[in-house]
């Protein structure tokens, strides 16, 4: 199939023609974008190739601009095609929301909430979910855990109702509710040679091995920024995608770690980890619950969004009182 098979009107074409588009046309474009060819898109949709070609041709005709182009990597969307694809995603999200609302009204379900959370938040979000579920037992909660970059990327779409994370993404218009402080500290194993030293500076740590999260993690980004402000560079021993693995590695004596105090509350209380007394720490960031400004929340999701905004701070882990030095 070549581009000339897709006809489109010139720049004078009325944009109001888009009101005549169909769901099948939008889904054909979305399948083409995902699969890279009409053959693969038709197989994915369970339609014939001529049927998909016709849907794409009609959609492009309505748009009045070329929506796809052939490249060595397959059929790719033009800028106009990407705009229409974004419309398709919003329409699919609206259909899913409508179905959820109808099911709720019909008494078929209590509704479903799609919640995302950065991995560090997993130490308190399940407790908040448990409390919410006791209050609203018929509402199903689907939780997605990822690092900051994963959740930020997910917020570009409409699958998540909202997310719990630190710094809100700058490239998405969002509404936020503040949950509470998230102190970051440097921890070491019990008996570390710096355990009893007070008022340490970052220069005292440049020969220490840091165990850290992967690039893209909010904690990793915060640690790198802290050292960059002092024109220092930490020694990175190992990168790990799990806070649990980092904790066990620190306890084993493989290095020290800059980490959220909420992730090590139990280990600190049990004495398996200690906090190094470093000037300028803790660095306190905030936890937020965040939703896209243009995301329409159904009653179950709105109820949980309000719950987390008003009561979420009650479920933050108890940590020692750290004074800024």
C-alpha atoms as a PDB file:
ATOM      1  CA  UNK A   1       0.000   0.000   0.000  1.00  0.00           C
ATOM      2  CA  UNK A   2       1.462   3.342  -1.018  1.00  0.00           C
ATOM      3  CA  UNK A   3       0.738   6.816   0.234  1.00  0.00           C
ATOM      4  CA  UNK A   4      -0.983   7.758  -3.001  1.00  0.00           C
ATOM      5  CA  UNK A   5      -3.698   5.282  -2.075  1.00  0.00           C
ATOM      6  CA  UNK A   6      -4.723   7.703   0.670  1.00  0.00           C
ATOM      7  CA  UNK A   7      -6.421  10.782  -0.720  1.00  0.00           C
ATOM      8  CA  UNK A   8      -6.877  13.947   1.286  1.00  0.00           C
ATOM      9  CA  UNK A   9      -8.344  17.358   0.696  1.00  0.00           C
ATOM     10  CA  UNK A  10      -6.288  20.544   0.564  1.00  0.00           C
ATOM     11  CA  UNK A  11      -5.748  23.145   3.298  1.00  0.00           C
ATOM     12  CA  UNK A  12      -9.158  24.678   2.676  1.00  0.00           C
ATOM     13  CA  UNK A  13     -10.858  21.554   3.929  1.00  0.00           C
ATOM     14  CA  UNK A  14     -13.255  22.338   6.812  1.00  0.00           C
ATOM     15  CA  UNK A  15     -12.053  20.986  10.155  1.00  0.00           C
ATOM     16  CA  UNK A  16     -15.691  20.396  11.100  1.00  0.00           C
ATOM     17  CA  UNK A  17     -15.597  17.274   8.909  1.00  0.00           C
ATOM     18  CA  UNK A  18     -13.883  15.484  11.790  1.00  0.00           C
ATOM     19  CA  UNK A  19     -17.191  15.349  13.601  1.00  0.00           C
ATOM     20  CA  UNK A  20     -18.185  12.639  11.108  1.00  0.00           C
ATOM     21  CA  UNK A  21     -15.320  10.301  12.004  1.00  0.00           C
ATOM     22  CA  UNK A  22     -16.033   6.886  13.484  1.00  0.00           C
ATOM     23  CA  UNK A  23     -14.576   4.790  16.269  1.00  0.00           C
ATOM     24  CA  UNK A  24     -13.558   2.154  13.720  1.00  0.00           C
ATOM     25  CA  UNK A  25     -11.517   4.742  11.821  1.00  0.00           C
ATOM     26  CA  UNK A  26      -9.738   5.877  14.976  1.00  0.00           C
ATOM     27  CA  UNK A  27      -9.014   2.302  16.011  1.00  0.00           C
ATOM     28  CA  UNK A  28      -7.589   1.564  12.573  1.00  0.00           C
ATOM     29  CA  UNK A  29      -5.172   4.478  12.939  1.00  0.00           C
ATOM     30  CA  UNK A  30      -4.219   3.406  16.475  1.00  0.00           C
ATOM     31  CA  UNK A  31      -3.584  -0.161  15.300  1.00  0.00           C
ATOM     32  CA  UNK A  32      -1.476   1.055  12.379  1.00  0.00           C
ATOM     33  CA  UNK A  33       0.600   3.199  14.739  1.00  0.00           C
ATOM     34  CA  UNK A  34       1.118   0.307  17.157  1.00  0.00           C
ATOM     35  CA  UNK A  35       1.805  -2.415  14.576  1.00  0.00           C
ATOM     36  CA  UNK A  36       3.600  -0.481  11.823  1.00  0.00           C
ATOM     37  CA  UNK A  37       1.768  -1.940   8.820  1.00  0.00           C
ATOM     38  CA  UNK A  38      -1.728  -2.363   7.451  1.00  0.00           C
ATOM     39  CA  UNK A  39      -1.251  -6.131   7.374  1.00  0.00           C
ATOM     40  CA  UNK A  40      -0.406  -6.301  11.081  1.00  0.00           C
ATOM     41  CA  UNK A  41      -3.099  -3.744  11.969  1.00  0.00           C
ATOM     42  CA  UNK A  42      -5.780  -5.723  10.116  1.00  0.00           C
ATOM     43  CA  UNK A  43      -4.735  -8.917  11.931  1.00  0.00           C
ATOM     44  CA  UNK A  44      -4.847  -7.111  15.286  1.00  0.00           C
ATOM     45  CA  UNK A  45      -8.331  -5.718  14.590  1.00  0.00           C
ATOM     46  CA  UNK A  46      -9.698  -8.900  13.045  1.00  0.00           C
ATOM     47  CA  UNK A  47     -10.521  -7.079   9.794  1.00  0.00           C
ATOM     48  CA  UNK A  48      -9.423  -7.507   6.207  1.00  0.00           C
ATOM     49  CA  UNK A  49      -6.628  -5.368   4.817  1.00  0.00           C
ATOM     50  CA  UNK A  50      -8.975  -3.614   2.356  1.00  0.00           C
ATOM     51  CA  UNK A  51     -11.318  -2.759   5.231  1.00  0.00           C
ATOM     52  CA  UNK A  52      -8.517  -1.180   7.281  1.00  0.00           C
ATOM     53  CA  UNK A  53      -7.217   0.653   4.204  1.00  0.00           C
ATOM     54  CA  UNK A  54     -10.669   2.061   3.593  1.00  0.00           C
ATOM     55  CA  UNK A  55     -11.022   3.220   7.209  1.00  0.00           C
ATOM     56  CA  UNK A  56      -7.649   4.979   7.060  1.00  0.00           C
ATOM     57  CA  UNK A  57      -8.435   6.582   3.731  1.00  0.00           C
ATOM     58  CA  UNK A  58     -11.785   7.894   4.991  1.00  0.00           C
ATOM     59  CA  UNK A  59     -10.217   9.237   8.200  1.00  0.00           C
ATOM     60  CA  UNK A  60      -7.464  11.005   6.304  1.00  0.00           C
ATOM     61  CA  UNK A  61     -10.032  12.467   3.941  1.00  0.00           C
ATOM     62  CA  UNK A  62     -11.974  13.859   6.896  1.00  0.00           C
ATOM     63  CA  UNK A  63      -8.819  15.281   8.482  1.00  0.00           C
ATOM     64  CA  UNK A  64      -7.771  17.017   5.271  1.00  0.00           C
ATOM     65  CA  UNK A  65      -4.100  16.264   5.957  1.00  0.00           C
ATOM     66  CA  UNK A  66      -1.845  13.245   5.408  1.00  0.00           C
ATOM     67  CA  UNK A  67      -1.892  11.124   8.564  1.00  0.00           C
ATOM     68  CA  UNK A  68       0.660   8.425   7.672  1.00  0.00           C
ATOM     69  CA  UNK A  69       3.894   8.127   5.775  1.00  0.00           C
ATOM     70  CA  UNK A  70       5.909   5.141   4.612  1.00  0.00           C
ATOM     71  CA  UNK A  71       9.473   4.828   5.949  1.00  0.00           C
ATOM     72  CA  UNK A  72      12.114   2.138   6.126  1.00  0.00           C
ATOM     73  CA  UNK A  73      10.718   1.260   9.556  1.00  0.00           C
ATOM     74  CA  UNK A  74       7.177   0.835   8.278  1.00  0.00           C
ATOM     75  CA  UNK A  75       4.145   3.119   8.210  1.00  0.00           C
ATOM     76  CA  UNK A  76       4.603   5.983  10.678  1.00  0.00           C
ATOM     77  CA  UNK A  77       2.268   8.772  11.713  1.00  0.00           C
ATOM     78  CA  UNK A  78       2.777  12.343  10.574  1.00  0.00           C
ATOM     79  CA  UNK A  79       2.369  15.192  13.048  1.00  0.00           C
ATOM     80  CA  UNK A  80      -1.268  15.423  11.990  1.00  0.00           C
ATOM     81  CA  UNK A  81      -1.592  11.683  12.507  1.00  0.00           C
ATOM     82  CA  UNK A  82      -0.208  11.974  16.024  1.00  0.00           C
ATOM     83  CA  UNK A  83      -2.825  14.634  16.824  1.00  0.00           C
ATOM     84  CA  UNK A  84      -5.600  12.331  15.638  1.00  0.00           C
ATOM     85  CA  UNK A  85      -4.057   9.434  17.585  1.00  0.00           C
ATOM     86  CA  UNK A  86      -4.175  11.562  20.756  1.00  0.00           C
ATOM     87  CA  UNK A  87      -7.867  12.104  20.027  1.00  0.00           C
ATOM     88  CA  UNK A  88      -8.309   8.342  19.692  1.00  0.00           C
ATOM     89  CA  UNK A  89      -6.742   7.804  23.119  1.00  0.00           C
ATOM     90  CA  UNK A  90      -9.046  10.376  24.706  1.00  0.00           C
ATOM     91  CA  UNK A  91     -12.084   8.824  23.052  1.00  0.00           C
ATOM     92  CA  UNK A  92     -11.146   5.324  24.248  1.00  0.00           C
ATOM     93  CA  UNK A  93     -10.653   6.668  27.776  1.00  0.00           C
ATOM     94  CA  UNK A  94     -14.034   8.416  27.655  1.00  0.00           C
ATOM     95  CA  UNK A  95     -15.723   5.208  26.458  1.00  0.00           C
ATOM     96  CA  UNK A  96     -14.145   3.247  29.318  1.00  0.00           C
ATOM     97  CA  UNK A  97     -15.215   5.923  31.816  1.00  0.00           C
ATOM     98  CA  UNK A  98     -18.752   5.889  30.448  1.00  0.00           C
ATOM     99  CA  UNK A  99     -18.923   2.106  30.704  1.00  0.00           C
ATOM    100  CA  UNK A 100     -17.713   2.302  34.283  1.00  0.00           C
ATOM    101  CA  UNK A 101     -20.351   4.915  35.124  1.00  0.00           C
ATOM    102  CA  UNK A 102     -23.116   2.856  33.524  1.00  0.00           C
ATOM    103  CA  UNK A 103     -22.008  -0.261  35.393  1.00  0.00           C
ATOM    104  CA  UNK A 104     -21.961   1.726  38.610  1.00  0.00           C
ATOM    105  CA  UNK A 105     -25.453   3.114  38.013  1.00  0.00           C
ATOM    106  CA  UNK A 106     -26.740  -0.326  37.082  1.00  0.00           C
ATOM    107  CA  UNK A 107     -25.371  -1.779  40.304  1.00  0.00           C
ATOM    108  CA  UNK A 108     -23.189  -4.247  38.417  1.00  0.00           C
ATOM    109  CA  UNK A 109     -20.003  -3.070  40.080  1.00  0.00           C
ATOM    110  CA  UNK A 110     -18.662  -0.707  42.691  1.00  0.00           C
ATOM    111  CA  UNK A 111     -16.340   0.747  40.088  1.00  0.00           C
ATOM    112  CA  UNK A 112     -12.621   0.464  39.445  1.00  0.00           C
ATOM    113  CA  UNK A 113      -9.837   2.898  40.319  1.00  0.00           C
ATOM    114  CA  UNK A 114      -6.551   2.818  38.412  1.00  0.00           C
ATOM    115  CA  UNK A 115      -3.820   4.133  40.712  1.00  0.00           C
ATOM    116  CA  UNK A 116      -0.142   4.551  39.900  1.00  0.00           C
ATOM    117  CA  UNK A 117       2.650   4.995  42.429  1.00  0.00           C
ATOM    118  CA  UNK A 118       6.405   5.419  42.293  1.00  0.00           C
ATOM    119  CA  UNK A 119       8.235   2.492  43.851  1.00  0.00           C
ATOM    120  CA  UNK A 120       9.243   4.382  46.995  1.00  0.00           C
ATOM    121  CA  UNK A 121       5.559   5.028  47.729  1.00  0.00           C
ATOM    122  CA  UNK A 122       4.820   1.304  47.997  1.00  0.00           C
ATOM    123  CA  UNK A 123       5.782   1.504  51.668  1.00  0.00           C
ATOM    124  CA  UNK A 124       2.609   3.397  52.522  1.00  0.00           C
ATOM    125  CA  UNK A 125       0.210   3.350  49.553  1.00  0.00           C
ATOM    126  CA  UNK A 126      -1.015  -0.236  50.246  1.00  0.00           C
ATOM    127  CA  UNK A 127      -1.940   0.825  53.790  1.00  0.00           C
ATOM    128  CA  UNK A 128      -3.942   3.740  52.441  1.00  0.00           C
ATOM    129  CA  UNK A 129      -5.637   1.429  49.929  1.00  0.00           C
ATOM    130  CA  UNK A 130      -6.551  -0.985  52.730  1.00  0.00           C
ATOM    131  CA  UNK A 131      -8.160   1.811  54.752  1.00  0.00           C
ATOM    132  CA  UNK A 132     -10.059   3.099  51.713  1.00  0.00           C
ATOM    133  CA  UNK A 133     -11.243  -0.415  50.819  1.00  0.00           C
ATOM    134  CA  UNK A 134     -12.700  -0.903  54.308  1.00  0.00           C
ATOM    135  CA  UNK A 135     -14.768   2.217  53.717  1.00  0.00           C
ATOM    136  CA  UNK A 136     -15.711   1.337  50.127  1.00  0.00           C
ATOM    137  CA  UNK A 137     -15.505  -2.477  49.872  1.00  0.00           C
ATOM    138  CA  UNK A 138     -17.127  -2.704  46.420  1.00  0.00           C
ATOM    139  CA  UNK A 139     -14.556  -0.505  44.701  1.00  0.00           C
ATOM    140  CA  UNK A 140     -11.749  -2.392  42.975  1.00  0.00           C
ATOM    141  CA  UNK A 141      -8.274  -0.832  43.114  1.00  0.00           C
ATOM    142  CA  UNK A 142      -5.703  -1.587  40.411  1.00  0.00           C
ATOM    143  CA  UNK A 143      -2.221  -0.457  41.462  1.00  0.00           C
ATOM    144  CA  UNK A 144       0.682   0.117  39.059  1.00  0.00           C
ATOM    145  CA  UNK A 145       4.173   0.511  40.565  1.00  0.00           C
ATOM    146  CA  UNK A 146       7.130   1.974  38.649  1.00  0.00           C
ATOM    147  CA  UNK A 147       9.992   4.398  38.961  1.00  0.00           C
ATOM    148  CA  UNK A 148       9.430   8.122  38.487  1.00  0.00           C
ATOM    149  CA  UNK A 149      10.048   7.985  34.733  1.00  0.00           C
ATOM    150  CA  UNK A 150       7.586   5.088  34.328  1.00  0.00           C
ATOM    151  CA  UNK A 151       4.813   6.905  36.185  1.00  0.00           C
ATOM    152  CA  UNK A 152       5.567  10.243  34.502  1.00  0.00           C
ATOM    153  CA  UNK A 153       5.228   8.535  31.125  1.00  0.00           C
ATOM    154  CA  UNK A 154       1.983   6.857  32.204  1.00  0.00           C
ATOM    155  CA  UNK A 155       0.573  10.269  33.138  1.00  0.00           C
ATOM    156  CA  UNK A 156       0.847  11.263  29.469  1.00  0.00           C
ATOM    157  CA  UNK A 157      -1.999   8.851  28.774  1.00  0.00           C
ATOM    158  CA  UNK A 158      -5.388   8.342  30.322  1.00  0.00           C
ATOM    159  CA  UNK A 159      -5.138   4.815  31.717  1.00  0.00           C
ATOM    160  CA  UNK A 160      -4.286   5.991  35.249  1.00  0.00           C
ATOM    161  CA  UNK A 161      -6.907   7.906  37.201  1.00  0.00           C
ATOM    162  CA  UNK A 162      -4.162   9.460  39.313  1.00  0.00           C
ATOM    163  CA  UNK A 163      -0.734   8.722  40.745  1.00  0.00           C
ATOM    164  CA  UNK A 164       1.206   9.087  43.979  1.00  0.00           C
ATOM    165  CA  UNK A 165       4.666  10.531  43.404  1.00  0.00           C
ATOM    166  CA  UNK A 166       7.032  13.307  44.377  1.00  0.00           C
ATOM    167  CA  UNK A 167       7.740  16.213  42.039  1.00  0.00           C
ATOM    168  CA  UNK A 168       4.827  16.534  39.558  1.00  0.00           C
ATOM    169  CA  UNK A 169       5.695  16.123  35.867  1.00  0.00           C
ATOM    170  CA  UNK A 170       6.385  19.480  34.232  1.00  0.00           C
ATOM    171  CA  UNK A 171       5.107  18.522  30.795  1.00  0.00           C
ATOM    172  CA  UNK A 172       1.559  17.515  31.769  1.00  0.00           C
ATOM    173  CA  UNK A 173      -1.164  19.802  33.125  1.00  0.00           C
ATOM    174  CA  UNK A 174      -2.124  18.279  36.485  1.00  0.00           C
ATOM    175  CA  UNK A 175      -4.151  18.876  39.627  1.00  0.00           C
ATOM    176  CA  UNK A 176      -2.322  17.967  42.835  1.00  0.00           C
ATOM    177  CA  UNK A 177      -3.092  17.250  46.474  1.00  0.00           C
ATOM    178  CA  UNK A 178      -0.223  17.295  48.960  1.00  0.00           C
ATOM    179  CA  UNK A 179       0.151  14.209  51.151  1.00  0.00           C
ATOM    180  CA  UNK A 180       3.115  15.067  53.380  1.00  0.00           C
ATOM    181  CA  UNK A 181       6.878  15.293  53.675  1.00  0.00           C
ATOM    182  CA  UNK A 182       9.301  12.719  52.279  1.00  0.00           C
ATOM    183  CA  UNK A 183      12.677  13.045  54.071  1.00  0.00           C
ATOM    184  CA  UNK A 184      15.791  11.699  52.317  1.00  0.00           C
ATOM    185  CA  UNK A 185      18.769  10.588  54.354  1.00  0.00           C
ATOM    186  CA  UNK A 186      22.032   8.653  54.023  1.00  0.00           C
ATOM    187  CA  UNK A 187      22.073   5.265  55.726  1.00  0.00           C
ATOM    188  CA  UNK A 188      24.821   2.772  56.535  1.00  0.00           C
ATOM    189  CA  UNK A 189      25.042  -0.600  58.241  1.00  0.00           C
ATOM    190  CA  UNK A 190      25.208  -0.780  62.020  1.00  0.00           C
ATOM    191  CA  UNK A 191      28.821  -0.389  63.108  1.00  0.00           C
ATOM    192  CA  UNK A 192      29.919   1.661  60.089  1.00  0.00           C
ATOM    193  CA  UNK A 193      33.131   3.545  60.856  1.00  0.00           C
ATOM    194  CA  UNK A 194      31.348   6.921  60.454  1.00  0.00           C
ATOM    195  CA  UNK A 195      28.435   5.958  62.690  1.00  0.00           C
ATOM    196  CA  UNK A 196      29.484   8.098  65.661  1.00  0.00           C
ATOM    197  CA  UNK A 197      30.790  11.081  63.690  1.00  0.00           C
ATOM    198  CA  UNK A 198      28.655  14.231  63.852  1.00  0.00           C
ATOM    199  CA  UNK A 199      28.360  17.020  61.318  1.00  0.00           C
ATOM    200  CA  UNK A 200      29.775  15.123  58.367  1.00  0.00           C
ATOM    201  CA  UNK A 201      30.036  16.935  55.059  1.00  0.00           C
ATOM    202  CA  UNK A 202      29.615  15.471  51.588  1.00  0.00           C
ATOM    203  CA  UNK A 203      33.397  15.743  51.205  1.00  0.00           C
ATOM    204  CA  UNK A 204      33.697  13.154  53.984  1.00  0.00           C
ATOM    205  CA  UNK A 205      31.715  10.717  51.820  1.00  0.00           C
ATOM    206  CA  UNK A 206      33.478  11.019  48.472  1.00  0.00           C
ATOM    207  CA  UNK A 207      35.506   7.866  49.174  1.00  0.00           C
ATOM    208  CA  UNK A 208      32.444   5.881  50.239  1.00  0.00           C
ATOM    209  CA  UNK A 209      30.679   3.541  47.812  1.00  0.00           C
ATOM    210  CA  UNK A 210      27.051   4.493  47.155  1.00  0.00           C
ATOM    211  CA  UNK A 211      24.438   1.899  46.313  1.00  0.00           C
ATOM    212  CA  UNK A 212      21.755   3.623  44.295  1.00  0.00           C
ATOM    213  CA  UNK A 213      18.630   3.324  42.210  1.00  0.00           C
ATOM    214  CA  UNK A 214      18.680   3.242  38.421  1.00  0.00           C
ATOM    215  CA  UNK A 215      18.706   6.412  36.276  1.00  0.00           C
ATOM    216  CA  UNK A 216      15.151   7.703  35.987  1.00  0.00           C
ATOM    217  CA  UNK A 217      14.471   7.172  39.673  1.00  0.00           C
ATOM    218  CA  UNK A 218      13.479  10.315  41.580  1.00  0.00           C
ATOM    219  CA  UNK A 219      15.787   9.361  44.460  1.00  0.00           C
ATOM    220  CA  UNK A 220      18.735   8.941  42.088  1.00  0.00           C
ATOM    221  CA  UNK A 221      18.042  12.330  40.487  1.00  0.00           C
ATOM    222  CA  UNK A 222      17.820  14.015  43.901  1.00  0.00           C
ATOM    223  CA  UNK A 223      21.108  12.468  45.057  1.00  0.00           C
ATOM    224  CA  UNK A 224      22.947  13.531  41.907  1.00  0.00           C
ATOM    225  CA  UNK A 225      21.630  17.068  42.264  1.00  0.00           C
ATOM    226  CA  UNK A 226      22.801  17.196  45.886  1.00  0.00           C
ATOM    227  CA  UNK A 227      26.368  16.265  44.935  1.00  0.00           C
ATOM    228  CA  UNK A 228      26.417  18.512  41.862  1.00  0.00           C
ATOM    229  CA  UNK A 229      25.607  21.539  44.036  1.00  0.00           C
ATOM    230  CA  UNK A 230      28.813  20.827  45.956  1.00  0.00           C
ATOM    231  CA  UNK A 231      30.824  20.134  42.771  1.00  0.00           C
ATOM    232  CA  UNK A 232      31.387  16.590  43.960  1.00  0.00           C
ATOM    233  CA  UNK A 233      30.806  13.225  42.340  1.00  0.00           C
ATOM    234  CA  UNK A 234      29.846  10.141  44.367  1.00  0.00           C
ATOM    235  CA  UNK A 235      31.350   6.708  43.764  1.00  0.00           C
ATOM    236  CA  UNK A 236      28.546   4.523  42.437  1.00  0.00           C
ATOM    237  CA  UNK A 237      29.089   0.905  43.404  1.00  0.00           C
ATOM    238  CA  UNK A 238      25.937  -0.778  42.113  1.00  0.00           C
ATOM    239  CA  UNK A 239      22.695   0.356  40.515  1.00  0.00           C
ATOM    240  CA  UNK A 240      19.593  -1.471  41.683  1.00  0.00           C
ATOM    241  CA  UNK A 241      15.958  -1.202  40.645  1.00  0.00           C
ATOM    242  CA  UNK A 242      14.648  -2.157  44.088  1.00  0.00           C
ATOM    243  CA  UNK A 243      14.821  -0.296  47.387  1.00  0.00           C
ATOM    244  CA  UNK A 244      14.606  -3.660  49.136  1.00  0.00           C
ATOM    245  CA  UNK A 245      17.772  -4.845  47.412  1.00  0.00           C
ATOM    246  CA  UNK A 246      19.562  -1.611  48.290  1.00  0.00           C
ATOM    247  CA  UNK A 247      18.649  -2.009  51.956  1.00  0.00           C
ATOM    248  CA  UNK A 248      19.910  -5.572  52.106  1.00  0.00           C
ATOM    249  CA  UNK A 249      23.127  -4.605  50.314  1.00  0.00           C
ATOM    250  CA  UNK A 250      23.769  -1.774  52.790  1.00  0.00           C
ATOM    251  CA  UNK A 251      23.096  -4.114  55.720  1.00  0.00           C
ATOM    252  CA  UNK A 252      25.583  -6.554  54.176  1.00  0.00           C
ATOM    253  CA  UNK A 253      28.231  -3.811  54.166  1.00  0.00           C
ATOM    254  CA  UNK A 254      28.509  -3.320  50.403  1.00  0.00           C
ATOM    255  CA  UNK A 255      28.173   0.452  50.710  1.00  0.00           C
ATOM    256  CA  UNK A 256      25.980   3.300  51.903  1.00  0.00           C
ATOM    257  CA  UNK A 257      22.831   4.730  50.335  1.00  0.00           C
ATOM    258  CA  UNK A 258      20.965   7.993  49.877  1.00  0.00           C
ATOM    259  CA  UNK A 259      17.364   6.926  50.304  1.00  0.00           C
ATOM    260  CA  UNK A 260      13.899   7.985  51.412  1.00  0.00           C
ATOM    261  CA  UNK A 261      13.533   7.544  55.172  1.00  0.00           C
ATOM    262  CA  UNK A 262      10.101   6.025  54.492  1.00  0.00           C
ATOM    263  CA  UNK A 263      11.732   3.016  52.840  1.00  0.00           C
ATOM    264  CA  UNK A 264      13.977   2.192  55.812  1.00  0.00           C
ATOM    265  CA  UNK A 265      11.699   2.996  58.750  1.00  0.00           C
ATOM    266  CA  UNK A 266      11.598  -0.619  59.982  1.00  0.00           C
ATOM    267  CA  UNK A 267      15.319  -1.204  59.589  1.00  0.00           C
ATOM    268  CA  UNK A 268      16.103   1.984  61.503  1.00  0.00           C
ATOM    269  CA  UNK A 269      13.691   1.026  64.289  1.00  0.00           C
ATOM    270  CA  UNK A 270      15.248  -2.449  64.505  1.00  0.00           C
ATOM    271  CA  UNK A 271      18.799  -1.046  64.542  1.00  0.00           C
ATOM    272  CA  UNK A 272      19.919  -2.873  61.396  1.00  0.00           C
ATOM    273  CA  UNK A 273      20.602   0.453  59.672  1.00  0.00           C
ATOM    274  CA  UNK A 274      21.816   3.768  61.062  1.00  0.00           C
ATOM    275  CA  UNK A 275      21.533   7.328  59.768  1.00  0.00           C
ATOM    276  CA  UNK A 276      24.788   9.137  59.050  1.00  0.00           C
ATOM    277  CA  UNK A 277      24.866  12.635  60.534  1.00  0.00           C
ATOM    278  CA  UNK A 278      25.454  14.644  57.351  1.00  0.00           C
ATOM    279  CA  UNK A 279      25.133  18.437  57.254  1.00  0.00           C
ATOM    280  CA  UNK A 280      22.203  19.611  55.142  1.00  0.00           C
ATOM    281  CA  UNK A 281      20.263  16.388  55.536  1.00  0.00           C
ATOM    282  CA  UNK A 282      17.563  15.351  55.507  1.00  0.00           C
ATOM    283  CA  UNK A 283      16.409  16.778  52.207  1.00  0.00           C
ATOM    284  CA  UNK A 284      12.642  16.876  52.562  1.00  0.00           C
ATOM    285  CA  UNK A 285      10.549  16.568  49.426  1.00  0.00           C
ATOM    286  CA  UNK A 286       6.783  16.257  49.312  1.00  0.00           C
ATOM    287  CA  UNK A 287       4.465  13.417  48.416  1.00  0.00           C
ATOM    288  CA  UNK A 288       1.580  14.324  46.104  1.00  0.00           C
ATOM    289  CA  UNK A 289      -1.421  12.619  44.623  1.00  0.00           C
ATOM    290  CA  UNK A 290      -1.635  13.834  41.026  1.00  0.00           C
ATOM    291  CA  UNK A 291      -4.260  13.632  38.276  1.00  0.00           C
ATOM    292  CA  UNK A 292      -4.350  14.986  34.751  1.00  0.00           C
ATOM    293  CA  UNK A 293      -6.342  18.222  34.685  1.00  0.00           C
ATOM    294  CA  UNK A 294      -8.371  16.966  31.722  1.00  0.00           C
ATOM    295  CA  UNK A 295      -8.990  13.509  33.184  1.00  0.00           C
ATOM    296  CA  UNK A 296     -12.628  13.132  34.228  1.00  0.00           C
ATOM    297  CA  UNK A 297     -12.808  11.077  37.412  1.00  0.00           C
ATOM    298  CA  UNK A 298     -15.794   8.822  37.956  1.00  0.00           C
ATOM    299  CA  UNK A 299     -17.286   8.796  41.485  1.00  0.00           C
ATOM    300  CA  UNK A 300     -15.112   5.885  42.766  1.00  0.00           C
ATOM    301  CA  UNK A 301     -11.881   7.490  41.566  1.00  0.00           C
ATOM    302  CA  UNK A 302     -12.938  10.909  42.824  1.00  0.00           C
ATOM    303  CA  UNK A 303     -13.718   9.402  46.224  1.00  0.00           C
ATOM    304  CA  UNK A 304     -10.249   7.866  46.478  1.00  0.00           C
ATOM    305  CA  UNK A 305      -8.540  11.003  45.156  1.00  0.00           C
ATOM    306  CA  UNK A 306     -10.290  13.027  47.885  1.00  0.00           C
ATOM    307  CA  UNK A 307      -9.500  10.369  50.493  1.00  0.00           C
ATOM    308  CA  UNK A 308      -5.789  10.421  49.734  1.00  0.00           C
ATOM    309  CA  UNK A 309      -5.746  14.217  49.642  1.00  0.00           C
ATOM    310  CA  UNK A 310      -7.368  14.557  53.062  1.00  0.00           C
ATOM    311  CA  UNK A 311      -6.215  11.417  54.918  1.00  0.00           C
ATOM    312  CA  UNK A 312      -3.259  10.021  52.968  1.00  0.00           C
ATOM    313  CA  UNK A 313      -0.702  11.582  55.320  1.00  0.00           C
ATOM    314  CA  UNK A 314      -1.993   9.327  58.119  1.00  0.00           C
ATOM    315  CA  UNK A 315      -0.414   6.334  56.405  1.00  0.00           C
ATOM    316  CA  UNK A 316       3.104   7.694  55.916  1.00  0.00           C
ATOM    317  CA  UNK A 317       5.646   5.543  57.813  1.00  0.00           C
ATOM    318  CA  UNK A 318       6.830   6.729  61.215  1.00  0.00           C
ATOM    319  CA  UNK A 319      10.462   7.813  61.004  1.00  0.00           C
ATOM    320  CA  UNK A 320      12.843   9.335  63.577  1.00  0.00           C
ATOM    321  CA  UNK A 321      12.817  13.095  63.926  1.00  0.00           C
ATOM    322  CA  UNK A 322      15.627  14.494  61.819  1.00  0.00           C
ATOM    323  CA  UNK A 323      16.754  18.020  62.444  1.00  0.00           C
ATOM    324  CA  UNK A 324      18.235  20.054  59.610  1.00  0.00           C
ATOM    325  CA  UNK A 325      21.836  20.859  60.392  1.00  0.00           C
END
